[in-house]
């Protein structure tokens, strides 16, 4: 699934400064266009700056092929404001409720759904906790690996217990969260929407930790572990390269 971008201004600045287009080029261009509008640029200027940005990132890009897309993005983006969300808060009552439910899978799923529902509320400026994610993406964020059938069984279990509701429209697969209690005291602030299930595991005292390099919360395999597997492998490659070629440089 694509990265969940909560602060589009920060994301746009990072993409522009690093000459990157992200996982989804069209989405990145759309966010960068919104950023340009927030900075006071007009339609023609935004379109021109998108072309310039695309060529800086991809010098061989064919602007003729991109022209219609850039034109559409430039016109559409001015109707939308930048999303700037730094975090959402899980309250004491919400956490207590989730922890009281039997079954670790259900707890992780409820925590993930609540985080996504609160994020949706902040984005839309509403108090309706709707989750508009594919089921497979919800379970990926919850760090739960199950077959499609068992995923649907868990979702239906939450529905039967009244914890969530389905949309009345048959073509809408959104889920509404029914157990939010925002008026309680703050308990946990979610600033990173990756590995939400692992974050819950760490909250309940399980051996999970935050990678010192990328900030991802992963399972701890040793007391001295500081990095996730991806970052550890990257650092090992860099260390090996320095040891092998460092002496030749100096």
C-alpha atoms as a PDB file:
ATOM      1  CA  UNK A   1       0.000   0.000   0.000  1.00  0.00           C
ATOM      2  CA  UNK A   2       1.034   3.620  -0.498  1.00  0.00           C
ATOM      3  CA  UNK A   3       2.543   5.591   2.358  1.00  0.00           C
ATOM      4  CA  UNK A   4       0.021   7.374   4.587  1.00  0.00           C
ATOM      5  CA  UNK A   5       0.909  11.057   4.291  1.00  0.00           C
ATOM      6  CA  UNK A   6      -0.424  13.054   7.231  1.00  0.00           C
ATOM      7  CA  UNK A   7       1.500  16.298   6.801  1.00  0.00           C
ATOM      8  CA  UNK A   8       1.468  17.176   3.128  1.00  0.00           C
ATOM      9  CA  UNK A   9       3.444  20.392   3.592  1.00  0.00           C
ATOM     10  CA  UNK A  10       6.343  18.511   5.173  1.00  0.00           C
ATOM     11  CA  UNK A  11       6.106  15.801   2.509  1.00  0.00           C
ATOM     12  CA  UNK A  12       6.107  18.331  -0.354  1.00  0.00           C
ATOM     13  CA  UNK A  13       9.142  20.125   1.077  1.00  0.00           C
ATOM     14  CA  UNK A  14      11.048  16.843   1.411  1.00  0.00           C
ATOM     15  CA  UNK A  15      10.217  15.774  -2.150  1.00  0.00           C
ATOM     16  CA  UNK A  16      11.218  19.156  -3.567  1.00  0.00           C
ATOM     17  CA  UNK A  17      14.445  19.436  -1.585  1.00  0.00           C
ATOM     18  CA  UNK A  18      15.553  15.873  -2.359  1.00  0.00           C
ATOM     19  CA  UNK A  19      14.355  15.817  -5.992  1.00  0.00           C
ATOM     20  CA  UNK A  20      12.184  12.765  -5.332  1.00  0.00           C
ATOM     21  CA  UNK A  21       8.799  11.739  -6.744  1.00  0.00           C
ATOM     22  CA  UNK A  22       7.792   9.198  -4.103  1.00  0.00           C
ATOM     23  CA  UNK A  23       6.033   5.877  -4.579  1.00  0.00           C
ATOM     24  CA  UNK A  24       3.148   7.366  -6.580  1.00  0.00           C
ATOM     25  CA  UNK A  25       4.290  10.113  -8.972  1.00  0.00           C
ATOM     26  CA  UNK A  26       0.783  11.424  -9.692  1.00  0.00           C
ATOM     27  CA  UNK A  27      -0.072  11.706  -5.993  1.00  0.00           C
ATOM     28  CA  UNK A  28       3.226  13.462  -5.265  1.00  0.00           C
ATOM     29  CA  UNK A  29       2.627  15.952  -8.088  1.00  0.00           C
ATOM     30  CA  UNK A  30      -0.864  16.619  -6.708  1.00  0.00           C
ATOM     31  CA  UNK A  31       0.477  17.312  -3.209  1.00  0.00           C
ATOM     32  CA  UNK A  32       3.291  19.496  -4.551  1.00  0.00           C
ATOM     33  CA  UNK A  33       0.719  21.430  -6.599  1.00  0.00           C
ATOM     34  CA  UNK A  34      -1.354  22.047  -3.453  1.00  0.00           C
ATOM     35  CA  UNK A  35       1.802  23.220  -1.744  1.00  0.00           C
ATOM     36  CA  UNK A  36       2.511  25.717  -4.532  1.00  0.00           C
ATOM     37  CA  UNK A  37      -1.038  27.080  -4.284  1.00  0.00           C
ATOM     38  CA  UNK A  38      -0.590  27.479  -0.523  1.00  0.00           C
ATOM     39  CA  UNK A  39       2.482  29.571  -1.305  1.00  0.00           C
ATOM     40  CA  UNK A  40       0.410  31.952  -3.437  1.00  0.00           C
ATOM     41  CA  UNK A  41       1.189  30.766  -6.979  1.00  0.00           C
ATOM     42  CA  UNK A  42      -1.400  31.027  -9.764  1.00  0.00           C
ATOM     43  CA  UNK A  43      -2.587  28.242 -12.085  1.00  0.00           C
ATOM     44  CA  UNK A  44      -0.138  28.881 -14.934  1.00  0.00           C
ATOM     45  CA  UNK A  45       2.738  29.219 -12.472  1.00  0.00           C
ATOM     46  CA  UNK A  46       1.869  25.961 -10.715  1.00  0.00           C
ATOM     47  CA  UNK A  47       1.748  24.060 -14.007  1.00  0.00           C
ATOM     48  CA  UNK A  48       5.127  25.492 -15.012  1.00  0.00           C
ATOM     49  CA  UNK A  49       6.689  24.661 -11.667  1.00  0.00           C
ATOM     50  CA  UNK A  50       5.370  21.081 -11.843  1.00  0.00           C
ATOM     51  CA  UNK A  51       7.048  20.628 -15.218  1.00  0.00           C
ATOM     52  CA  UNK A  52      10.263  22.054 -13.823  1.00  0.00           C
ATOM     53  CA  UNK A  53      10.065  19.784 -10.753  1.00  0.00           C
ATOM     54  CA  UNK A  54       9.384  16.696 -12.876  1.00  0.00           C
ATOM     55  CA  UNK A  55      12.381  17.395 -15.080  1.00  0.00           C
ATOM     56  CA  UNK A  56      14.652  17.959 -12.082  1.00  0.00           C
ATOM     57  CA  UNK A  57      13.667  14.548 -10.739  1.00  0.00           C
ATOM     58  CA  UNK A  58      13.477  12.768 -14.093  1.00  0.00           C
ATOM     59  CA  UNK A  59      15.608  14.610 -16.707  1.00  0.00           C
ATOM     60  CA  UNK A  60      14.501  12.190 -19.416  1.00  0.00           C
ATOM     61  CA  UNK A  61      10.771  12.604 -18.746  1.00  0.00           C
ATOM     62  CA  UNK A  62       8.683  13.280 -21.858  1.00  0.00           C
ATOM     63  CA  UNK A  63       6.708  16.447 -21.031  1.00  0.00           C
ATOM     64  CA  UNK A  64       4.442  15.916 -24.041  1.00  0.00           C
ATOM     65  CA  UNK A  65       3.193  12.657 -22.503  1.00  0.00           C
ATOM     66  CA  UNK A  66       2.816  14.317 -19.089  1.00  0.00           C
ATOM     67  CA  UNK A  67       1.091  17.475 -20.366  1.00  0.00           C
ATOM     68  CA  UNK A  68      -2.536  16.355 -19.854  1.00  0.00           C
ATOM     69  CA  UNK A  69      -1.773  14.918 -16.424  1.00  0.00           C
ATOM     70  CA  UNK A  70       0.012  18.056 -15.259  1.00  0.00           C
ATOM     71  CA  UNK A  71      -2.798  20.233 -16.636  1.00  0.00           C
ATOM     72  CA  UNK A  72      -5.434  18.156 -14.816  1.00  0.00           C
ATOM     73  CA  UNK A  73      -3.462  18.113 -11.545  1.00  0.00           C
ATOM     74  CA  UNK A  74      -2.847  21.860 -11.686  1.00  0.00           C
ATOM     75  CA  UNK A  75      -6.564  22.593 -12.090  1.00  0.00           C
ATOM     76  CA  UNK A  76      -7.761  20.021  -9.533  1.00  0.00           C
ATOM     77  CA  UNK A  77      -5.254  20.820  -6.789  1.00  0.00           C
ATOM     78  CA  UNK A  78      -6.423  24.419  -6.351  1.00  0.00           C
ATOM     79  CA  UNK A  79      -9.766  23.102  -5.030  1.00  0.00           C
ATOM     80  CA  UNK A  80      -8.050  21.335  -2.117  1.00  0.00           C
ATOM     81  CA  UNK A  81      -6.138  22.577   0.911  1.00  0.00           C
ATOM     82  CA  UNK A  82      -2.949  21.010   2.201  1.00  0.00           C
ATOM     83  CA  UNK A  83      -3.452  18.413   4.914  1.00  0.00           C
ATOM     84  CA  UNK A  84      -1.217  19.242   7.871  1.00  0.00           C
ATOM     85  CA  UNK A  85      -1.683  16.684  10.647  1.00  0.00           C
ATOM     86  CA  UNK A  86       1.187  15.924  12.986  1.00  0.00           C
ATOM     87  CA  UNK A  87      -0.531  13.367  15.218  1.00  0.00           C
ATOM     88  CA  UNK A  88      -3.751  11.917  16.642  1.00  0.00           C
ATOM     89  CA  UNK A  89      -4.404  11.047  20.275  1.00  0.00           C
ATOM     90  CA  UNK A  90      -5.682   7.788  21.762  1.00  0.00           C
ATOM     91  CA  UNK A  91      -7.425   8.463  25.081  1.00  0.00           C
ATOM     92  CA  UNK A  92      -7.266   6.485  28.324  1.00  0.00           C
ATOM     93  CA  UNK A  93     -10.816   5.163  27.965  1.00  0.00           C
ATOM     94  CA  UNK A  94     -10.237   4.141  24.354  1.00  0.00           C
ATOM     95  CA  UNK A  95      -7.060   2.285  25.223  1.00  0.00           C
ATOM     96  CA  UNK A  96      -8.711   0.668  28.244  1.00  0.00           C
ATOM     97  CA  UNK A  97     -11.631  -0.479  26.124  1.00  0.00           C
ATOM     98  CA  UNK A  98      -9.398  -1.991  23.457  1.00  0.00           C
ATOM     99  CA  UNK A  99      -7.257  -3.764  26.061  1.00  0.00           C
ATOM    100  CA  UNK A 100     -10.361  -5.267  27.679  1.00  0.00           C
ATOM    101  CA  UNK A 101     -11.342  -7.138  24.505  1.00  0.00           C
ATOM    102  CA  UNK A 102     -10.472 -10.841  24.375  1.00  0.00           C
ATOM    103  CA  UNK A 103      -8.015 -11.753  21.634  1.00  0.00           C
ATOM    104  CA  UNK A 104      -4.810 -10.025  20.632  1.00  0.00           C
ATOM    105  CA  UNK A 105      -5.751  -9.910  16.943  1.00  0.00           C
ATOM    106  CA  UNK A 106      -8.993  -8.110  17.761  1.00  0.00           C
ATOM    107  CA  UNK A 107      -7.140  -5.654  20.002  1.00  0.00           C
ATOM    108  CA  UNK A 108      -4.580  -4.813  17.315  1.00  0.00           C
ATOM    109  CA  UNK A 109      -7.322  -4.477  14.714  1.00  0.00           C
ATOM    110  CA  UNK A 110      -9.413  -2.185  16.935  1.00  0.00           C
ATOM    111  CA  UNK A 111      -6.389  -0.014  17.721  1.00  0.00           C
ATOM    112  CA  UNK A 112      -5.540   0.293  14.031  1.00  0.00           C
ATOM    113  CA  UNK A 113      -9.117   1.107  13.026  1.00  0.00           C
ATOM    114  CA  UNK A 114      -9.363   3.737  15.756  1.00  0.00           C
ATOM    115  CA  UNK A 115      -6.131   5.405  14.599  1.00  0.00           C
ATOM    116  CA  UNK A 116      -7.345   5.482  10.997  1.00  0.00           C
ATOM    117  CA  UNK A 117     -10.784   6.728  12.031  1.00  0.00           C
ATOM    118  CA  UNK A 118      -9.299   9.571  14.057  1.00  0.00           C
ATOM    119  CA  UNK A 119      -7.011  10.464  11.159  1.00  0.00           C
ATOM    120  CA  UNK A 120     -10.048  10.621   8.865  1.00  0.00           C
ATOM    121  CA  UNK A 121     -11.828  12.941  11.316  1.00  0.00           C
ATOM    122  CA  UNK A 122      -8.901  15.339  11.360  1.00  0.00           C
ATOM    123  CA  UNK A 123      -8.559  15.311   7.592  1.00  0.00           C
ATOM    124  CA  UNK A 124     -12.239  15.940   6.972  1.00  0.00           C
ATOM    125  CA  UNK A 125     -12.925  18.193   9.958  1.00  0.00           C
ATOM    126  CA  UNK A 126     -15.753  15.907  11.110  1.00  0.00           C
ATOM    127  CA  UNK A 127     -16.649  13.822  14.154  1.00  0.00           C
ATOM    128  CA  UNK A 128     -17.628  10.705  12.187  1.00  0.00           C
ATOM    129  CA  UNK A 129     -14.982   8.026  12.522  1.00  0.00           C
ATOM    130  CA  UNK A 130     -15.038   6.460   9.067  1.00  0.00           C
ATOM    131  CA  UNK A 131     -12.210   4.257   7.779  1.00  0.00           C
ATOM    132  CA  UNK A 132     -11.832   4.272   3.997  1.00  0.00           C
ATOM    133  CA  UNK A 133      -9.068   1.722   3.498  1.00  0.00           C
ATOM    134  CA  UNK A 134      -8.961  -1.622   1.727  1.00  0.00           C
ATOM    135  CA  UNK A 135      -9.313  -4.545   4.146  1.00  0.00           C
ATOM    136  CA  UNK A 136      -5.902  -5.928   3.161  1.00  0.00           C
ATOM    137  CA  UNK A 137      -4.289  -2.541   3.896  1.00  0.00           C
ATOM    138  CA  UNK A 138      -5.959  -2.317   7.308  1.00  0.00           C
ATOM    139  CA  UNK A 139      -4.568  -5.717   8.278  1.00  0.00           C
ATOM    140  CA  UNK A 140      -1.143  -4.809   6.914  1.00  0.00           C
ATOM    141  CA  UNK A 141      -1.078  -1.704   9.117  1.00  0.00           C
ATOM    142  CA  UNK A 142      -2.282  -3.818  12.046  1.00  0.00           C
ATOM    143  CA  UNK A 143       0.607  -6.247  11.445  1.00  0.00           C
ATOM    144  CA  UNK A 144      -1.815  -9.161  11.187  1.00  0.00           C
ATOM    145  CA  UNK A 145      -1.154 -11.808   8.532  1.00  0.00           C
ATOM    146  CA  UNK A 146      -4.297 -13.796   7.701  1.00  0.00           C
ATOM    147  CA  UNK A 147      -6.129 -15.132   4.656  1.00  0.00           C
ATOM    148  CA  UNK A 148      -8.802 -12.917   3.093  1.00  0.00           C
ATOM    149  CA  UNK A 149     -11.493 -15.180   4.541  1.00  0.00           C
ATOM    150  CA  UNK A 150     -10.164 -14.893   8.119  1.00  0.00           C
ATOM    151  CA  UNK A 151      -9.718 -11.138   7.716  1.00  0.00           C
ATOM    152  CA  UNK A 152     -13.395 -10.829   6.857  1.00  0.00           C
ATOM    153  CA  UNK A 153     -14.327 -13.068   9.796  1.00  0.00           C
ATOM    154  CA  UNK A 154     -12.509 -10.735  12.205  1.00  0.00           C
ATOM    155  CA  UNK A 155     -14.125  -7.646  10.670  1.00  0.00           C
ATOM    156  CA  UNK A 156     -17.539  -9.272  10.950  1.00  0.00           C
ATOM    157  CA  UNK A 157     -16.848 -10.174  14.586  1.00  0.00           C
ATOM    158  CA  UNK A 158     -16.302  -6.491  15.353  1.00  0.00           C
ATOM    159  CA  UNK A 159     -19.530  -5.666  13.517  1.00  0.00           C
ATOM    160  CA  UNK A 160     -21.577  -8.279  15.384  1.00  0.00           C
ATOM    161  CA  UNK A 161     -20.320  -6.904  18.700  1.00  0.00           C
ATOM    162  CA  UNK A 162     -21.310  -3.373  17.697  1.00  0.00           C
ATOM    163  CA  UNK A 163     -17.778  -1.993  17.672  1.00  0.00           C
ATOM    164  CA  UNK A 164     -18.035  -0.947  14.016  1.00  0.00           C
ATOM    165  CA  UNK A 165     -20.793  -0.297  11.474  1.00  0.00           C
ATOM    166  CA  UNK A 166     -20.970  -0.863   7.735  1.00  0.00           C
ATOM    167  CA  UNK A 167     -21.985   1.792   5.235  1.00  0.00           C
ATOM    168  CA  UNK A 168     -25.633   1.650   4.117  1.00  0.00           C
ATOM    169  CA  UNK A 169     -24.446   1.821   0.506  1.00  0.00           C
ATOM    170  CA  UNK A 170     -23.662  -1.576  -0.984  1.00  0.00           C
ATOM    171  CA  UNK A 171     -20.863  -0.178  -3.148  1.00  0.00           C
ATOM    172  CA  UNK A 172     -19.150   1.471  -0.144  1.00  0.00           C
ATOM    173  CA  UNK A 173     -16.826  -0.734   1.936  1.00  0.00           C
ATOM    174  CA  UNK A 174     -16.047   1.950   4.528  1.00  0.00           C
ATOM    175  CA  UNK A 175     -16.203   1.085   8.229  1.00  0.00           C
ATOM    176  CA  UNK A 176     -17.490   3.396  10.965  1.00  0.00           C
ATOM    177  CA  UNK A 177     -15.877   3.255  14.413  1.00  0.00           C
ATOM    178  CA  UNK A 178     -18.438   3.173  17.253  1.00  0.00           C
ATOM    179  CA  UNK A 179     -16.199   3.053  20.328  1.00  0.00           C
ATOM    180  CA  UNK A 180     -14.313   6.374  20.147  1.00  0.00           C
ATOM    181  CA  UNK A 181     -14.231   8.301  23.435  1.00  0.00           C
ATOM    182  CA  UNK A 182     -12.376  11.535  22.606  1.00  0.00           C
ATOM    183  CA  UNK A 183     -13.349  13.363  25.802  1.00  0.00           C
ATOM    184  CA  UNK A 184     -11.216  11.126  28.031  1.00  0.00           C
ATOM    185  CA  UNK A 185      -7.668  11.975  29.143  1.00  0.00           C
ATOM    186  CA  UNK A 186      -4.914  11.572  26.490  1.00  0.00           C
ATOM    187  CA  UNK A 187      -3.007   8.288  26.742  1.00  0.00           C
ATOM    188  CA  UNK A 188      -0.919   7.834  23.591  1.00  0.00           C
ATOM    189  CA  UNK A 189       0.001  10.104  20.695  1.00  0.00           C
ATOM    190  CA  UNK A 190       0.316   8.486  17.277  1.00  0.00           C
ATOM    191  CA  UNK A 191       2.758  10.402  15.065  1.00  0.00           C
ATOM    192  CA  UNK A 192       3.705   7.561  12.714  1.00  0.00           C
ATOM    193  CA  UNK A 193       1.018   5.543  10.913  1.00  0.00           C
ATOM    194  CA  UNK A 194       3.296   2.671   9.955  1.00  0.00           C
ATOM    195  CA  UNK A 195       3.096  -0.630  11.847  1.00  0.00           C
ATOM    196  CA  UNK A 196       0.189   0.443  14.055  1.00  0.00           C
ATOM    197  CA  UNK A 197      -0.242  -3.116  15.323  1.00  0.00           C
ATOM    198  CA  UNK A 198       3.375  -3.172  16.491  1.00  0.00           C
ATOM    199  CA  UNK A 199       2.885   0.163  18.230  1.00  0.00           C
ATOM    200  CA  UNK A 200      -0.008  -1.372  20.156  1.00  0.00           C
ATOM    201  CA  UNK A 201       2.137  -4.349  21.111  1.00  0.00           C
ATOM    202  CA  UNK A 202       4.779  -2.005  22.505  1.00  0.00           C
ATOM    203  CA  UNK A 203       2.084  -0.112  24.434  1.00  0.00           C
ATOM    204  CA  UNK A 204       0.988  -3.270  26.233  1.00  0.00           C
ATOM    205  CA  UNK A 205       4.555  -4.076  27.232  1.00  0.00           C
ATOM    206  CA  UNK A 206       5.579  -6.562  24.555  1.00  0.00           C
ATOM    207  CA  UNK A 207       9.212  -6.571  23.268  1.00  0.00           C
ATOM    208  CA  UNK A 208       8.891  -4.071  20.430  1.00  0.00           C
ATOM    209  CA  UNK A 209      11.062  -1.016  19.851  1.00  0.00           C
ATOM    210  CA  UNK A 210      11.468   2.015  17.608  1.00  0.00           C
ATOM    211  CA  UNK A 211      14.263   1.810  15.055  1.00  0.00           C
ATOM    212  CA  UNK A 212      16.931   4.387  15.867  1.00  0.00           C
ATOM    213  CA  UNK A 213      17.347   5.233  12.181  1.00  0.00           C
ATOM    214  CA  UNK A 214      13.926   5.215  10.484  1.00  0.00           C
ATOM    215  CA  UNK A 215      11.591   5.247  13.506  1.00  0.00           C
ATOM    216  CA  UNK A 216       9.703   2.104  12.481  1.00  0.00           C
ATOM    217  CA  UNK A 217       8.356   0.064  15.416  1.00  0.00           C
ATOM    218  CA  UNK A 218       9.409  -3.580  15.045  1.00  0.00           C
ATOM    219  CA  UNK A 219       9.767  -6.684  17.188  1.00  0.00           C
ATOM    220  CA  UNK A 220      12.914  -6.824  19.308  1.00  0.00           C
ATOM    221  CA  UNK A 221      15.000  -9.938  18.760  1.00  0.00           C
ATOM    222  CA  UNK A 222      17.811  -9.064  21.187  1.00  0.00           C
ATOM    223  CA  UNK A 223      18.412  -6.713  24.102  1.00  0.00           C
ATOM    224  CA  UNK A 224      21.026  -4.747  22.177  1.00  0.00           C
ATOM    225  CA  UNK A 225      19.025  -4.318  18.961  1.00  0.00           C
ATOM    226  CA  UNK A 226      18.763  -0.671  17.868  1.00  0.00           C
ATOM    227  CA  UNK A 227      17.768  -0.911  14.202  1.00  0.00           C
ATOM    228  CA  UNK A 228      15.101  -2.613  12.115  1.00  0.00           C
ATOM    229  CA  UNK A 229      16.288  -5.274   9.658  1.00  0.00           C
ATOM    230  CA  UNK A 230      16.227  -2.937   6.639  1.00  0.00           C
ATOM    231  CA  UNK A 231      18.276  -0.225   8.324  1.00  0.00           C
ATOM    232  CA  UNK A 232      20.671  -2.746   9.907  1.00  0.00           C
ATOM    233  CA  UNK A 233      21.383  -4.308   6.511  1.00  0.00           C
ATOM    234  CA  UNK A 234      21.915  -0.879   4.965  1.00  0.00           C
ATOM    235  CA  UNK A 235      24.339   0.139   7.716  1.00  0.00           C
ATOM    236  CA  UNK A 236      26.217  -3.137   7.392  1.00  0.00           C
ATOM    237  CA  UNK A 237      26.652  -2.567   3.640  1.00  0.00           C
ATOM    238  CA  UNK A 238      27.895   0.968   4.267  1.00  0.00           C
ATOM    239  CA  UNK A 239      30.304  -0.215   6.963  1.00  0.00           C
ATOM    240  CA  UNK A 240      31.633  -2.967   4.697  1.00  0.00           C
ATOM    241  CA  UNK A 241      32.119  -0.475   1.858  1.00  0.00           C
ATOM    242  CA  UNK A 242      34.015   1.961   4.110  1.00  0.00           C
ATOM    243  CA  UNK A 243      36.262  -0.795   5.451  1.00  0.00           C
ATOM    244  CA  UNK A 244      36.944  -2.070   1.946  1.00  0.00           C
ATOM    245  CA  UNK A 245      37.494   1.220   0.134  1.00  0.00           C
ATOM    246  CA  UNK A 246      38.105   3.762   2.895  1.00  0.00           C
ATOM    247  CA  UNK A 247      41.813   3.076   3.033  1.00  0.00           C
ATOM    248  CA  UNK A 248      42.129   3.607  -0.719  1.00  0.00           C
ATOM    249  CA  UNK A 249      40.418   7.009  -0.479  1.00  0.00           C
ATOM    250  CA  UNK A 250      42.840   8.179   2.219  1.00  0.00           C
END
